[in-house]
Protein backbone atom coordinates (compact mmCIF):
# COMPACT_ATOMS: atom_id res chain seq x y z
CA MET A 1 -84.19 7.95 6.69
CA LYS A 2 -81.51 6.57 9.60
CA LYS A 3 -79.70 9.47 9.90
CA SER A 4 -78.47 11.93 13.04
CA ALA A 5 -81.31 14.57 13.71
CA VAL A 6 -82.33 17.20 16.02
CA TYR A 7 -86.18 17.57 15.79
CA ILE A 8 -88.96 20.26 17.61
CA LEU A 9 -91.96 18.83 18.39
CA ALA A 10 -95.10 20.57 19.82
CA ASN A 11 -98.48 19.77 20.93
CA LYS A 12 -100.07 22.37 18.62
CA ARG A 13 -99.35 25.78 17.02
CA ASN A 14 -97.31 28.37 19.05
CA GLY A 15 -97.52 25.19 21.76
CA THR A 16 -95.32 24.03 24.65
CA LEU A 17 -91.77 23.11 22.61
CA TYR A 18 -89.65 19.61 23.10
CA ILE A 19 -85.79 19.83 21.40
CA GLY A 20 -84.46 16.47 21.11
CA VAL A 21 -81.65 14.56 19.74
CA THR A 22 -81.48 11.43 17.77
CA ALA A 23 -79.47 8.43 15.89
CA ASP A 24 -82.66 7.46 14.21
CA LEU A 25 -85.65 9.77 13.37
CA VAL A 26 -88.61 8.01 12.11
CA LYS A 27 -88.07 5.55 14.67
CA ARG A 28 -87.85 8.38 17.33
CA ILE A 29 -90.99 10.08 16.73
CA TRP A 30 -92.82 7.22 15.99
CA GLN A 31 -92.46 6.61 19.82
CA HIS A 32 -93.21 10.21 20.59
CA LYS A 33 -96.50 9.19 18.64
CA ASN A 34 -96.86 6.45 20.20
CA LYS A 35 -96.70 7.29 23.87
CA LEU A 36 -93.42 5.14 24.54
CA VAL A 37 -91.09 8.35 25.26
CA SER A 38 -92.00 8.95 29.22
CA GLY A 39 -90.99 12.41 30.19
CA PHE A 40 -91.90 15.88 29.34
CA SER A 41 -92.86 14.82 26.01
CA SER A 42 -95.53 12.75 27.41
CA LYS A 43 -96.47 14.71 29.67
CA TYR A 44 -97.17 17.55 27.66
CA ASP A 45 -98.55 15.22 24.98
CA LEU A 46 -96.36 16.62 22.24
CA HIS A 47 -96.60 14.44 19.39
CA MET A 48 -96.37 16.81 16.04
CA LEU A 49 -93.20 16.78 14.53
CA ILE A 50 -92.94 20.52 13.39
CA TYR A 51 -88.94 21.27 12.56
CA TYR A 52 -86.07 18.97 12.04
CA GLU A 53 -82.23 18.76 11.18
CA PRO A 54 -80.36 16.18 9.46
CA PHE A 55 -77.07 15.64 10.37
CA ASP A 56 -74.46 13.00 9.00
CA ASN A 57 -72.40 13.01 12.70
CA ILE A 58 -74.60 12.20 15.95
CA GLU A 59 -71.67 14.65 17.41
CA HIS A 60 -72.54 17.52 15.52
CA ALA A 61 -76.71 17.18 16.04
CA ILE A 62 -76.40 16.91 20.11
CA SER A 63 -74.34 20.25 19.59
CA ARG A 64 -76.97 21.73 17.78
CA GLU A 65 -79.32 20.80 19.86
CA LYS A 66 -78.03 22.27 23.18
CA GLN A 67 -77.51 25.35 20.73
CA LEU A 68 -80.93 25.44 20.24
CA LYS A 69 -81.77 24.59 23.76
CA ALA A 70 -80.25 27.61 25.00
CA TRP A 71 -82.20 30.17 22.16
CA LYS A 72 -85.23 32.20 23.11
CA ARG A 73 -88.17 31.01 22.74
CA LYS A 74 -88.83 33.92 20.09
CA TRP A 75 -85.66 32.60 17.92
CA LYS A 76 -86.97 28.94 18.17
CA LEU A 77 -90.74 30.00 17.09
CA ALA A 78 -89.02 32.17 13.99
CA LEU A 79 -86.85 28.75 13.34
CA ILE A 80 -89.97 26.81 12.76
CA GLU A 81 -91.55 28.97 10.92
CA SER A 82 -89.21 29.37 8.28
CA MET A 83 -89.17 25.94 7.56
CA ASN A 84 -92.91 24.94 8.01
CA PRO A 85 -95.11 27.94 8.64
CA ASP A 86 -97.82 26.23 8.65
CA TRP A 87 -97.20 23.94 11.39
CA ASN A 88 -97.62 20.85 9.61
CA ASP A 89 -96.87 17.49 11.21
CA LEU A 90 -93.49 16.45 9.41
CA TYR A 91 -93.82 12.89 10.54
CA GLU A 92 -95.33 11.61 7.20
CA LEU A 93 -92.61 13.30 5.52
CA ILE A 94 -89.99 11.67 7.19
CA LYS A 95 -91.57 8.08 6.46
């Protein structure tokens, strides 16, 4: 899946959330899981891919990332649960 995407990581159900954007979702999530990304996601052990949206265009993905980051936490949780009600790690599905 070498496609632009916006994604949400968590450390556990209803835990800390991280919203990111990438041009290569599989590679980027692998980097998060192997703690090759320093900063917020590494500090809070955010390794579970719980939500993602693919885009054909990186500019659209960046726009969506900004939109999601501005949302209230309640809205983000509802979005996650609409796609992934059990908060499963979706990484295996995208490999």
